[in-house]
Structure formats: C-alpha cells, structure tokens
C-alpha cells in the first residue's frame, strides 16, 4: 500500500494534491473522483490494473476534499435547504460550478506538462470529465463517464429513498462517521457485491487524511447549480465510453443512457447488478472497456 501524502501543484489558482502511478512515458490517464471522495477512493489495485494495461495513471483530490485547496465561504450552510433552493433555480448559493472543477483538472494537466490524456470520471467525476471534454476537447484523448449523467433534470435523478445519503450531515466523531459512511455506501452500492470492510477502510482512511464535511456541501451545490451539458456534449467529436450499473439508485441508469445518447458514437456499457460504486467484481470489465477504447483511438489517430 502506498503512502498518500501525495504531491502538490498549483493549478487554476489553487493547490491540487495528486499522485501518479506507472511509467510517465505511457499514455496518461486522468482519474476524476466523485462527490466528497478523495483520490484514495480510486483503489490502489484499480489504478494498478490500469497501469498494467499500459497507462500512466494520475489521480487527484478535487477542490474542497483531501489535501487540495478548501474554497473559503462565509457562514454556515444547511445542505438540504441550499440544495433545494438550487434545484428551484437559485444558483447564487453555489461558491463554484462543475466548469470550475473542470478547469482545475485542465490546470493540473498543464502543471504536469501533459497536452492530452484519457479522462475517466466517476459520478460527479463523470460530470467533471464531461465538462473537461466540453471546455478543452483537444486535451481529451478518450472520455469515460462512469455512473454519471448530463445534468438534464428528467434523467439520472436519485430514487427518493436514497436522498438522505446525500443530505444527512455526517457525524464528526471518527467511529460514528465510519459507521454512517458504510451504511450510506450500502444504501447506494451494488446489492450483491457490497463489501462493508472495504467501505469501512476507505471511510477510515479518508477521515484520517482529511475530514471536511463542508466540502461535500459545496460540491453538491456545484452539481445542482450547473446547467445541462447535453447540447455541448452533442458537439463532441472524440471516442467516448459510458459505464452505468443497472441497479444504481443514486444516479439512476437513465442518466448514463442519456449521456451515451447525446455524445456522438459513444459506447454504452450497462453492467447488470452494479449500483453506485465500483466493486472489484466489475473491475476487469471496466478496465478492458477503457483499454479497448484507447486502442481504437490510437488506431484511428
């Protein structure tokens, strides 16, 4: 297991914590994580699986999580009322949007001297990955959007019973936080493949590395305040893969289906029984699909 102090660089005017794995001469692959999740949520073994397939892997902390910059905001914020206000069309409460988080990622590529990368994002990370491709398509070799959506209000919405996972504040005490996190992960995870020990380990390491609940609220506001990406995604001309679980209750499968529908030529990989998580059971299928997409891109270049 690697130590996760990580490296730091300035990107888009903020400090971004990142790590790399593999041979820097291999094609770069940027991993973009989801809501409130740190770079360690990309398992070491998952990253090694991509390295073994010939990628130079970069994972990083989004702003407001982990060891990256925390965006200063004034006053306390009640997550539920702020999110409901944003869903009602009041975007003023959001300190930044997904487009700003995409600019962070592009800035990280700049700082690392990378002209172009395979970009893989999960959940909110998929939204950011889409936004990177929209803002700077020339920087994206291939785009993979996992368990994500386009921002259209008629698709990908959470099932009502899992909304508390998003809106219930996490306990601040360590053991209570870990237990809360495991139960939240169980509520949205793959029914037949959920691993509570793995979920507890990720929660514990995340808590010890950086516990910052306000960042989750800020990122959630960025999601609900950002406009639909569908029209911009229709303009893309790059190889794209959309991965979604058939049992995802948090970003329901219609979100992935719409994403694949609007990106010209996108491949849709629906994984039977997968929820809103990345269990080891599905790793080989997803890594194979990412690798195949990269190979087709290289052949077409």
Protein backbone atom coordinates (compact mmCIF):
# COMPACT_ATOMS: atom_id res chain seq x y z
CA UNK A 1 0.00 0.00 0.00
CA UNK A 2 1.38 3.37 -0.96
CA UNK A 3 1.53 6.35 1.36
CA UNK A 4 -0.96 9.02 0.43
CA UNK A 5 0.79 12.24 1.31
CA UNK A 6 0.87 12.87 -2.42
CA UNK A 7 2.37 15.67 -4.42
CA UNK A 8 1.13 19.24 -4.69
CA UNK A 9 0.99 21.65 -7.58
CA UNK A 10 -0.70 24.95 -8.37
CA UNK A 11 -3.47 24.63 -10.95
CA UNK A 12 -6.17 27.15 -11.88
CA UNK A 13 -5.01 29.35 -8.99
CA UNK A 14 -5.42 26.70 -6.27
CA UNK A 15 -3.33 23.92 -4.76
CA UNK A 16 -4.13 20.45 -6.08
CA UNK A 17 -2.92 17.25 -4.39
CA UNK A 18 -2.20 14.43 -6.82
CA UNK A 19 -0.41 11.10 -7.25
CA UNK A 20 0.89 9.27 -10.29
CA UNK A 21 1.42 5.58 -10.95
CA UNK A 22 3.17 3.82 -13.80
CA UNK A 23 5.65 4.83 -16.48
CA UNK A 24 5.47 8.56 -17.38
CA UNK A 25 6.27 7.63 -20.99
CA UNK A 26 2.99 5.67 -21.23
CA UNK A 27 -0.24 7.40 -22.34
CA UNK A 28 -1.56 9.50 -19.44
CA UNK A 29 -4.92 8.63 -17.89
CA UNK A 30 -6.56 11.13 -15.51
CA UNK A 31 -8.95 9.75 -12.87
CA UNK A 32 -11.60 12.19 -11.59
CA UNK A 33 -13.42 11.24 -8.37
CA UNK A 34 -16.96 11.93 -7.22
CA UNK A 35 -18.79 13.86 -4.52
CA UNK A 36 -16.77 14.28 -1.33
CA UNK A 37 -14.41 11.49 -2.36
CA UNK A 38 -10.63 11.78 -2.13
CA UNK A 39 -8.09 10.37 -4.55
CA UNK A 40 -7.72 7.32 -2.28
CA UNK A 41 -11.26 6.32 -3.31
CA UNK A 42 -9.60 5.15 -6.53
CA UNK A 43 -8.26 1.88 -5.08
CA UNK A 44 -4.54 1.23 -5.47
CA UNK A 45 -5.38 -2.10 -7.09
CA UNK A 46 -7.76 -0.45 -9.57
CA UNK A 47 -5.04 2.03 -10.53
CA UNK A 48 -2.51 -0.79 -10.85
CA UNK A 49 -4.91 -2.61 -13.16
CA UNK A 50 -4.83 0.40 -15.47
CA UNK A 51 -1.04 0.69 -15.17
CA UNK A 52 -0.77 -2.98 -16.14
CA UNK A 53 -2.70 -2.17 -19.31
CA UNK A 54 -0.15 0.46 -20.31
CA UNK A 55 -1.42 3.71 -18.82
CA UNK A 56 0.36 6.36 -16.76
CA UNK A 57 -2.30 6.96 -14.11
CA UNK A 58 -2.92 10.32 -12.40
CA UNK A 59 -5.40 10.61 -9.52
CA UNK A 60 -6.04 13.81 -7.61
CA UNK A 61 -8.15 15.50 -4.95
CA UNK A 62 -10.82 17.82 -6.28
CA UNK A 63 -11.03 21.24 -4.65
CA UNK A 64 -12.68 21.05 -1.21
CA UNK A 65 -11.62 17.46 -0.45
CA UNK A 66 -8.47 15.73 0.70
CA UNK A 67 -5.27 17.76 0.58
CA UNK A 68 -6.36 20.20 -2.15
CA UNK A 69 -7.42 23.80 -1.51
CA UNK A 70 -10.56 24.40 0.56
CA UNK A 71 -12.58 27.20 -1.00
CA UNK A 72 -13.38 29.90 1.59
CA UNK A 73 -17.10 30.54 2.08
CA UNK A 74 -18.87 32.75 4.58
CA UNK A 75 -21.30 31.50 7.19
CA UNK A 76 -22.87 28.14 7.85
CA UNK A 77 -24.91 26.42 5.21
CA UNK A 78 -27.74 23.96 5.65
CA UNK A 79 -27.19 21.42 2.91
CA UNK A 80 -30.81 20.42 2.45
CA UNK A 81 -32.25 23.94 2.15
CA UNK A 82 -29.38 25.13 -0.07
CA UNK A 83 -29.72 22.16 -2.42
CA UNK A 84 -33.49 22.54 -2.60
CA UNK A 85 -33.08 26.24 -3.37
CA UNK A 86 -30.56 25.43 -6.11
CA UNK A 87 -32.90 22.79 -7.58
CA UNK A 88 -35.55 25.50 -7.62
CA UNK A 89 -33.35 27.65 -9.84
CA UNK A 90 -31.46 29.70 -7.25
CA UNK A 91 -27.83 29.06 -8.16
CA UNK A 92 -26.50 32.03 -6.19
CA UNK A 93 -25.60 29.88 -3.18
CA UNK A 94 -23.03 27.79 -5.10
CA UNK A 95 -19.45 29.00 -4.48
CA UNK A 96 -18.35 27.44 -7.81
CA UNK A 97 -19.66 25.24 -10.62
CA UNK A 98 -18.58 21.99 -12.26
CA UNK A 99 -16.94 24.04 -15.02
CA UNK A 100 -14.58 25.49 -12.40
CA UNK A 101 -13.70 22.00 -11.20
CA UNK A 102 -13.02 21.00 -14.82
CA UNK A 103 -10.70 23.99 -15.11
CA UNK A 104 -8.83 22.66 -12.05
CA UNK A 105 -8.24 19.36 -13.85
CA UNK A 106 -7.10 21.08 -17.04
CA UNK A 107 -4.78 23.21 -14.91
CA UNK A 108 -3.37 20.04 -13.35
CA UNK A 109 -2.61 18.65 -16.83
CA UNK A 110 -0.92 21.98 -17.64
CA UNK A 111 1.17 21.82 -14.47
CA UNK A 112 2.24 18.27 -15.28
CA UNK A 113 3.14 19.19 -18.87
CA UNK A 114 0.51 16.85 -20.31
CA UNK A 115 -1.01 18.01 -23.59
CA UNK A 116 -3.65 15.29 -23.85
CA UNK A 117 -4.95 12.50 -21.59
CA UNK A 118 -7.50 9.72 -21.39
CA UNK A 119 -10.05 11.12 -18.90
CA UNK A 120 -12.07 8.77 -16.66
CA UNK A 121 -14.59 10.16 -14.18
CA UNK A 122 -16.99 8.52 -11.72
CA UNK A 123 -20.29 10.06 -10.57
CA UNK A 124 -19.61 13.80 -10.06
CA UNK A 125 -16.22 12.99 -11.54
CA UNK A 126 -18.02 11.88 -14.70
CA UNK A 127 -19.75 15.27 -14.82
CA UNK A 128 -16.37 16.96 -14.43
CA UNK A 129 -14.85 14.69 -17.10
CA UNK A 130 -17.66 15.65 -19.48
CA UNK A 131 -17.03 19.31 -18.64
CA UNK A 132 -13.30 18.90 -19.39
CA UNK A 133 -14.15 17.46 -22.81
CA UNK A 134 -16.58 20.33 -23.47
CA UNK A 135 -14.12 23.04 -22.38
CA UNK A 136 -10.97 21.57 -23.96
CA UNK A 137 -11.76 18.67 -26.32
CA UNK A 138 -8.23 18.82 -27.74
CA UNK A 139 -6.91 17.79 -24.30
CA UNK A 140 -9.04 14.62 -24.12
CA UNK A 141 -7.81 11.52 -25.97
CA UNK A 142 -10.81 9.49 -24.82
CA UNK A 143 -13.64 10.19 -22.39
CA UNK A 144 -15.06 7.60 -19.97
CA UNK A 145 -18.07 8.65 -17.88
CA UNK A 146 -18.96 6.16 -15.13
CA UNK A 147 -22.27 6.21 -13.15
CA UNK A 148 -22.87 9.81 -14.15
CA UNK A 149 -25.37 11.96 -16.03
CA UNK A 150 -25.77 15.01 -18.27
CA UNK A 151 -27.39 17.42 -15.84
CA UNK A 152 -30.77 17.14 -17.56
CA UNK A 153 -33.46 17.21 -14.85
CA UNK A 154 -35.53 14.45 -16.47
CA UNK A 155 -32.85 11.72 -16.21
CA UNK A 156 -30.47 10.23 -13.66
CA UNK A 157 -32.31 11.55 -10.62
CA UNK A 158 -31.86 9.72 -7.31
CA UNK A 159 -34.55 7.43 -6.00
CA UNK A 160 -36.32 9.22 -3.12
CA UNK A 161 -35.26 6.61 -0.55
CA UNK A 162 -31.55 7.36 -1.05
CA UNK A 163 -31.79 11.16 -0.83
CA UNK A 164 -30.85 11.06 2.88
CA UNK A 165 -27.47 9.66 1.82
CA UNK A 166 -26.82 12.99 0.10
CA UNK A 167 -28.49 15.33 2.55
CA UNK A 168 -27.89 13.90 6.04
CA UNK A 169 -24.83 15.56 7.64
CA UNK A 170 -22.07 13.13 8.53
CA UNK A 171 -21.20 12.67 12.23
CA UNK A 172 -17.95 14.33 13.25
CA UNK A 173 -16.74 11.61 15.65
CA UNK A 174 -14.50 9.10 13.85
CA UNK A 175 -16.21 5.78 14.60
CA UNK A 176 -19.68 7.25 14.10
CA UNK A 177 -18.55 8.75 10.80
CA UNK A 178 -17.19 5.40 9.58
CA UNK A 179 -20.42 3.60 10.51
CA UNK A 180 -22.52 6.31 8.83
CA UNK A 181 -20.36 6.14 5.72
CA UNK A 182 -20.62 2.34 5.48
CA UNK A 183 -24.41 2.44 5.76
CA UNK A 184 -24.61 5.21 3.16
CA UNK A 185 -22.39 3.21 0.82
CA UNK A 186 -24.52 0.11 1.41
CA UNK A 187 -27.70 2.04 0.55
CA UNK A 188 -26.39 3.02 -2.89
CA UNK A 189 -23.95 0.20 -3.62
CA UNK A 190 -24.22 -2.97 -5.69
CA UNK A 191 -26.70 -5.24 -3.83
CA UNK A 192 -24.82 -8.49 -4.42
CA UNK A 193 -21.26 -7.17 -4.31
CA UNK A 194 -21.14 -4.64 -1.48
CA UNK A 195 -18.06 -5.11 0.72
CA UNK A 196 -18.57 -3.44 4.13
CA UNK A 197 -14.96 -4.00 5.19
CA UNK A 198 -13.65 -2.22 2.09
CA UNK A 199 -16.17 0.60 2.61
CA UNK A 200 -15.09 0.97 6.25
CA UNK A 201 -11.42 1.02 5.27
CA UNK A 202 -11.93 3.77 2.68
CA UNK A 203 -14.03 5.80 5.15
CA UNK A 204 -11.44 5.44 7.92
CA UNK A 205 -8.52 6.42 5.70
CA UNK A 206 -10.49 9.32 4.27
CA UNK A 207 -11.40 10.58 7.75
CA UNK A 208 -7.79 10.38 8.93
CA UNK A 209 -6.43 12.03 5.78
CA UNK A 210 -8.90 14.93 5.77
CA UNK A 211 -12.35 15.26 7.35
CA UNK A 212 -14.03 18.30 5.75
CA UNK A 213 -17.82 17.93 5.53
CA UNK A 214 -18.36 21.47 4.24
CA UNK A 215 -16.62 20.44 1.02
CA UNK A 216 -19.35 17.89 0.30
CA UNK A 217 -22.00 20.62 0.56
CA UNK A 218 -20.05 22.94 -1.75
CA UNK A 219 -19.57 20.20 -4.33
CA UNK A 220 -23.23 19.18 -4.14
CA UNK A 221 -24.20 22.80 -4.78
CA UNK A 222 -21.85 22.84 -7.78
CA UNK A 223 -23.67 19.80 -9.19
CA UNK A 224 -27.23 21.06 -8.75
CA UNK A 225 -26.38 24.63 -9.84
CA UNK A 226 -24.56 23.66 -13.06
CA UNK A 227 -26.55 23.71 -16.31
CA UNK A 228 -27.30 20.72 -18.51
CA UNK A 229 -24.35 19.58 -20.61
CA UNK A 230 -26.41 17.76 -23.26
CA UNK A 231 -26.24 20.37 -26.03
CA UNK A 232 -22.48 20.78 -25.60
CA UNK A 233 -21.94 17.01 -25.43
CA UNK A 234 -23.72 16.67 -28.79
CA UNK A 235 -20.91 18.73 -30.33
CA UNK A 236 -18.11 16.43 -29.18
CA UNK A 237 -16.03 14.51 -31.68
CA UNK A 238 -13.94 12.12 -29.60
CA UNK A 239 -14.04 8.46 -28.54
CA UNK A 240 -16.34 8.03 -25.55
CA UNK A 241 -17.44 5.25 -23.22
CA UNK A 242 -20.36 5.45 -20.80
CA UNK A 243 -20.48 2.90 -17.97
CA UNK A 244 -23.51 2.51 -15.71
CA UNK A 245 -24.91 -0.05 -13.30
CA UNK A 246 -28.43 -1.32 -13.81
CA UNK A 247 -29.07 -1.11 -10.03
CA UNK A 248 -27.75 2.44 -9.43
CA UNK A 249 -30.25 4.20 -7.11
CA UNK A 250 -28.29 7.46 -6.74
CA UNK A 251 -27.70 8.32 -10.40
CA UNK A 252 -30.35 6.15 -11.99
CA UNK A 253 -29.43 4.41 -15.28
CA UNK A 254 -31.36 6.88 -17.45
CA UNK A 255 -28.52 9.33 -16.71
CA UNK A 256 -25.96 7.06 -18.32
CA UNK A 257 -28.29 6.21 -21.18
CA UNK A 258 -28.84 9.90 -21.96
CA UNK A 259 -25.09 10.55 -21.78
CA UNK A 260 -24.40 7.83 -24.35
CA UNK A 261 -27.30 9.05 -26.46
CA UNK A 262 -26.06 12.64 -26.78
CA UNK A 263 -22.32 12.02 -27.28
CA UNK A 264 -21.90 11.07 -30.95
CA UNK A 265 -20.69 7.48 -31.32
CA UNK A 266 -20.42 6.84 -27.58
CA UNK A 267 -20.36 3.23 -26.41
CA UNK A 268 -22.75 2.32 -23.57
CA UNK A 269 -21.70 -0.43 -21.16
CA UNK A 270 -24.57 -1.34 -18.82
CA UNK A 271 -23.36 -3.61 -16.02
CA UNK A 272 -26.00 -5.93 -14.64
CA UNK A 273 -26.38 -5.66 -10.88
CA UNK A 274 -23.93 -2.77 -10.35
CA UNK A 275 -25.06 0.04 -8.07
CA UNK A 276 -23.43 3.40 -7.37
CA UNK A 277 -20.00 2.02 -6.58
CA UNK A 278 -17.08 0.23 -8.20
CA UNK A 279 -16.90 -3.27 -6.69
CA UNK A 280 -13.90 -5.41 -7.58
CA UNK A 281 -16.33 -7.80 -9.33
CA UNK A 282 -16.68 -5.33 -12.23
CA UNK A 283 -13.12 -4.00 -12.44
CA UNK A 284 -11.87 -6.27 -15.21
CA UNK A 285 -14.84 -5.47 -17.45
CA UNK A 286 -14.49 -1.72 -17.00
CA UNK A 287 -10.70 -1.69 -17.37
CA UNK A 288 -10.99 -3.83 -20.50
CA UNK A 289 -13.55 -1.40 -21.97
CA UNK A 290 -11.33 1.63 -21.19
CA UNK A 291 -8.32 -0.14 -22.73
CA UNK A 292 -10.28 -1.11 -25.86
CA UNK A 293 -11.50 2.47 -26.26
CA UNK A 294 -7.90 3.72 -26.02
CA UNK A 295 -6.74 1.13 -28.55
CA UNK A 296 -9.43 2.17 -31.06
CA UNK A 297 -8.46 5.81 -30.53
CA UNK A 298 -4.78 5.03 -31.16
CA UNK A 299 -5.63 3.04 -34.28
CA UNK A 300 -7.70 5.91 -35.65
CA UNK A 301 -5.06 8.55 -34.94
